[in-house]
Amino acid sequence: MSRPNTPPNWTAPFDAYEARYLDEQKHLAVAYIGVQDRGGDGAGSAAAARALLDGDDGPRIVEQGWSNDVAGAHTKILLAYWRDAEAFARWRGSK
């Protein structure tokens, strides 16, 4: 898809995504949960963070990202999305 602020025939170096609201969408809650491990791969901490999002009132959409910083720390971020404000409030109150 051509964009007015990019050079002609430009192709992005990686896929990108854009979130769009449904016309009837009224609420969106987002939680960012991050864990950092300086001595391993962070798998145990990441699993514990992911477990926080489990349950009936957990988010319906979860994205993940990670990085290794210059100090050697492994960081994992979970981005959790709720379209239902009441479910988010119940989840938040249970944690």
Protein backbone atom coordinates (compact mmCIF):
# COMPACT_ATOMS: atom_id res chain seq x y z
CA MET A 1 0.00 0.00 0.00
CA SER A 2 1.41 3.37 -1.00
CA ARG A 3 1.82 6.01 1.69
CA PRO A 4 2.34 9.72 0.93
CA ASN A 5 5.28 10.04 3.36
CA THR A 6 7.42 7.20 1.95
CA PRO A 7 9.58 7.04 -1.19
CA PRO A 8 8.07 5.47 -4.32
CA ASN A 9 8.32 1.65 -4.38
CA TRP A 10 9.53 1.57 -0.77
CA THR A 11 9.03 -1.73 1.06
CA ALA A 12 9.13 -1.92 4.83
CA PRO A 13 11.97 -4.12 6.19
CA PHE A 14 9.48 -6.04 8.38
CA ASP A 15 5.73 -6.46 8.72
CA ALA A 16 3.88 -3.89 10.78
CA TYR A 17 0.37 -3.99 12.11
CA GLU A 18 -2.20 -1.37 12.90
CA ALA A 19 -4.92 -1.76 15.49
CA ARG A 20 -8.39 -0.58 14.51
CA TYR A 21 -11.50 -0.17 16.60
CA LEU A 22 -14.75 -1.79 15.63
CA ASP A 23 -17.46 0.82 15.06
CA GLU A 24 -19.29 -0.34 18.17
CA GLN A 25 -16.12 -0.48 20.31
CA LYS A 26 -16.45 1.73 23.39
CA HIS A 27 -13.59 0.63 25.68
CA LEU A 28 -10.06 -0.65 25.43
CA ALA A 29 -7.90 -1.45 28.45
CA VAL A 30 -4.22 -2.25 28.01
CA ALA A 31 -1.79 -3.68 30.55
CA TYR A 32 1.96 -3.86 30.01
CA ILE A 33 3.64 -6.54 32.09
CA GLY A 34 7.41 -6.79 32.00
CA VAL A 35 9.93 -9.17 33.50
CA GLN A 36 13.70 -8.95 33.45
CA ASP A 37 16.30 -11.60 34.11
CA ARG A 38 20.00 -10.88 34.46
CA GLY A 39 21.24 -14.42 34.83
CA GLY A 40 19.26 -16.68 32.52
CA ASP A 41 16.68 -16.70 29.80
CA GLY A 42 13.82 -15.47 32.01
CA ALA A 43 11.58 -18.41 31.13
CA GLY A 44 10.32 -18.92 34.69
CA SER A 45 9.59 -15.22 35.20
CA ALA A 46 7.92 -14.97 31.81
CA ALA A 47 5.71 -17.98 32.60
CA ALA A 48 4.70 -16.40 35.91
CA ALA A 49 3.84 -13.12 34.16
CA ARG A 50 1.80 -14.97 31.54
CA ALA A 51 -0.05 -16.86 34.30
CA LEU A 52 -1.22 -13.49 35.67
CA LEU A 53 -3.27 -13.09 32.51
CA ASP A 54 -5.01 -16.48 32.68
CA GLY A 55 -8.62 -16.91 33.74
CA ASP A 56 -12.11 -16.08 32.57
CA ASP A 57 -11.54 -12.32 32.86
CA GLY A 58 -8.09 -12.37 31.28
CA PRO A 59 -7.37 -10.46 28.09
CA ARG A 60 -8.56 -11.79 24.74
CA ILE A 61 -5.45 -10.49 22.95
CA VAL A 62 -1.85 -10.73 24.19
CA GLU A 63 1.21 -9.61 22.25
CA GLN A 64 4.78 -10.37 23.28
CA GLY A 65 8.11 -8.71 22.77
CA TRP A 66 11.60 -9.16 24.15
CA SER A 67 15.06 -7.65 24.07
CA ASN A 68 18.53 -8.15 25.48
CA ASP A 69 20.07 -4.92 26.71
CA VAL A 70 23.71 -3.88 26.75
CA ALA A 71 24.07 -5.00 30.39
CA GLY A 72 23.03 -8.52 29.40
CA ALA A 73 19.54 -8.46 30.89
CA HIS A 74 16.85 -10.40 29.07
CA THR A 75 13.56 -8.47 29.14
CA LYS A 76 10.17 -9.80 28.08
CA ILE A 77 7.09 -7.58 27.73
CA LEU A 78 3.49 -8.77 27.48
CA LEU A 79 0.90 -6.35 26.09
CA ALA A 80 -2.57 -7.43 27.15
CA TYR A 81 -5.77 -5.98 25.66
CA TRP A 82 -9.33 -6.07 26.99
CA ARG A 83 -12.29 -4.82 24.96
CA ASP A 84 -14.59 -5.42 27.93
CA ALA A 85 -14.01 -2.80 30.65
CA GLU A 86 -15.91 -4.84 33.24
CA ALA A 87 -13.81 -7.96 32.60
CA PHE A 88 -10.67 -5.86 32.94
CA ALA A 89 -11.91 -4.40 36.25
CA ARG A 90 -12.65 -7.90 37.59
CA TRP A 91 -9.23 -9.17 36.44
CA ARG A 92 -7.47 -6.16 37.98
CA GLY A 93 -9.32 -6.60 41.26
CA SER A 94 -8.34 -10.28 41.42
CA LYS A 95 -4.58 -9.76 41.10
